[in-house]
């Protein structure tokens, strides 16, 4: 099992060539077991980015989310209260983006790697990352 950050999920569905080589291999290794975890916060983040014009999709956002949520291997997880709590209590220094904090908290709770191109997350020593 691995957690996909929002960008990794978007690219997996829309343009897998944008994924890093290690990320593609990790995704392939976990896809058959439905081990690609996407947080509900990523659904929110995609919708927000579309609404403010920072992300253009090939269809309306509701249709995209419906299709991306059933992409092979993907399991969309609801936001757990514990992840919300732990996102505010992450050890060490980490940036303030609430979606990133929740994704890190989720990966830490599940004790799995987070697939992300985000250099700030990859530099955070309290979560394992893949890219």
Protein backbone atom coordinates (compact mmCIF):
# COMPACT_ATOMS: atom_id res chain seq x y z
CA UNK A 1 0.00 0.00 0.00
CA UNK A 2 1.11 3.56 -0.79
CA UNK A 3 -0.54 6.97 -0.52
CA UNK A 4 -0.72 9.16 -3.62
CA UNK A 5 -0.57 12.89 -3.18
CA UNK A 6 -2.94 14.99 -5.28
CA UNK A 7 -0.48 15.64 -8.11
CA UNK A 8 0.50 11.97 -8.33
CA UNK A 9 -3.19 10.98 -8.52
CA UNK A 10 -3.93 13.55 -11.22
CA UNK A 11 -0.93 12.48 -13.28
CA UNK A 12 -1.66 8.78 -12.82
CA UNK A 13 -5.09 9.32 -14.35
CA UNK A 14 -4.36 12.06 -16.87
CA UNK A 15 -0.69 11.73 -17.91
CA UNK A 16 1.33 8.92 -16.27
CA UNK A 17 4.47 10.01 -18.15
CA UNK A 18 4.71 12.93 -15.68
CA UNK A 19 5.27 10.51 -12.80
CA UNK A 20 8.81 9.85 -11.66
CA UNK A 21 10.31 6.47 -12.52
CA UNK A 22 10.32 5.21 -8.92
CA UNK A 23 6.74 6.45 -8.55
CA UNK A 24 5.61 4.55 -11.66
CA UNK A 25 7.25 1.35 -10.42
CA UNK A 26 5.73 1.69 -6.94
CA UNK A 27 2.28 2.37 -8.40
CA UNK A 28 2.58 -0.66 -10.69
CA UNK A 29 3.58 -2.82 -7.72
CA UNK A 30 0.54 -1.79 -5.65
CA UNK A 31 -2.12 -1.35 -8.34
CA UNK A 32 -3.32 -4.98 -8.53
CA UNK A 33 -4.01 -5.15 -4.78
CA UNK A 34 -6.00 -1.88 -4.74
CA UNK A 35 -3.14 -0.47 -2.72
CA UNK A 36 -3.18 3.06 -4.17
CA UNK A 37 -4.65 5.16 -1.38
CA UNK A 38 -6.05 8.59 -2.24
CA UNK A 39 -7.30 10.81 0.55
CA UNK A 40 -10.65 12.60 0.32
CA UNK A 41 -8.61 15.77 0.85
CA UNK A 42 -7.24 15.22 -2.67
CA UNK A 43 -10.80 15.21 -4.03
CA UNK A 44 -11.30 18.57 -2.30
CA UNK A 45 -7.96 19.87 -3.60
CA UNK A 46 -8.76 18.94 -7.22
CA UNK A 47 -12.17 20.62 -6.97
CA UNK A 48 -10.68 23.77 -5.44
CA UNK A 49 -7.93 24.00 -8.07
CA UNK A 50 -10.47 23.64 -10.86
CA UNK A 51 -12.78 26.22 -9.25
CA UNK A 52 -10.03 28.85 -8.99
CA UNK A 53 -8.63 28.16 -12.45
CA UNK A 54 -5.34 26.50 -11.37
CA UNK A 55 -6.22 23.15 -12.93
CA UNK A 56 -7.88 22.33 -16.25
CA UNK A 57 -9.31 18.85 -16.74
CA UNK A 58 -10.51 17.08 -19.89
CA UNK A 59 -14.09 16.95 -18.51
CA UNK A 60 -16.13 18.58 -15.77
CA UNK A 61 -14.73 18.07 -12.29
CA UNK A 62 -17.56 15.83 -11.06
CA UNK A 63 -17.09 13.43 -13.95
CA UNK A 64 -13.32 13.52 -13.58
CA UNK A 65 -13.49 12.72 -9.87
CA UNK A 66 -15.99 9.90 -10.48
CA UNK A 67 -13.69 8.33 -13.09
CA UNK A 68 -10.44 8.96 -11.19
CA UNK A 69 -11.90 7.46 -8.01
CA UNK A 70 -12.36 4.09 -9.71
CA UNK A 71 -9.07 4.13 -11.60
CA UNK A 72 -7.46 0.66 -11.35
CA UNK A 73 -5.92 0.16 -7.93
CA UNK A 74 -7.25 3.39 -6.41
CA UNK A 75 -9.07 3.44 -3.12
CA UNK A 76 -10.36 6.85 -1.98
CA UNK A 77 -10.25 7.06 1.80
CA UNK A 78 -12.50 9.37 3.82
CA UNK A 79 -10.86 11.99 5.98
CA UNK A 80 -10.34 10.42 9.39
CA UNK A 81 -10.58 12.62 12.49
CA UNK A 82 -7.24 11.20 13.67
CA UNK A 83 -5.55 12.37 10.46
CA UNK A 84 -7.03 15.84 10.91
CA UNK A 85 -5.73 15.93 14.47
CA UNK A 86 -2.30 14.53 13.67
CA UNK A 87 -1.89 16.92 10.74
CA UNK A 88 -1.81 19.74 13.29
CA UNK A 89 0.68 17.89 15.50
CA UNK A 90 3.30 16.76 12.99
CA UNK A 91 6.77 16.51 14.52
CA UNK A 92 9.50 18.88 13.44
CA UNK A 93 9.18 21.75 11.01
CA UNK A 94 6.77 21.33 8.11
CA UNK A 95 4.98 23.83 5.90
CA UNK A 96 1.45 25.03 6.57
CA UNK A 97 -0.49 23.67 3.57
CA UNK A 98 -3.44 21.83 5.17
CA UNK A 99 -3.87 19.28 2.35
CA UNK A 100 -0.19 18.33 2.44
CA UNK A 101 -0.29 18.06 6.23
CA UNK A 102 -3.27 15.68 6.04
CA UNK A 103 -1.60 13.56 3.35
CA UNK A 104 1.54 13.27 5.49
CA UNK A 105 -0.54 12.39 8.56
CA UNK A 106 -2.39 9.70 6.56
CA UNK A 107 0.85 8.13 5.29
CA UNK A 108 2.29 8.21 8.81
CA UNK A 109 -0.83 6.57 10.31
CA UNK A 110 -0.81 3.83 7.67
CA UNK A 111 2.99 3.54 7.99
CA UNK A 112 3.43 3.63 4.22
CA UNK A 113 5.23 5.82 1.71
CA UNK A 114 3.71 8.92 0.16
CA UNK A 115 4.16 9.27 -3.60
CA UNK A 116 4.83 12.95 -4.27
CA UNK A 117 6.79 15.27 -6.53
CA UNK A 118 6.64 17.97 -3.81
CA UNK A 119 10.19 18.76 -2.71
CA UNK A 120 9.05 20.20 0.64
CA UNK A 121 7.30 16.93 1.50
CA UNK A 122 10.21 14.85 0.24
CA UNK A 123 12.58 16.85 2.47
CA UNK A 124 10.43 16.20 5.55
CA UNK A 125 12.25 13.46 7.44
CA UNK A 126 9.19 12.22 9.34
CA UNK A 127 7.49 10.53 6.36
CA UNK A 128 8.81 8.11 3.75
CA UNK A 129 8.35 9.35 0.20
CA UNK A 130 8.70 8.00 -3.30
CA UNK A 131 9.28 9.90 -6.51
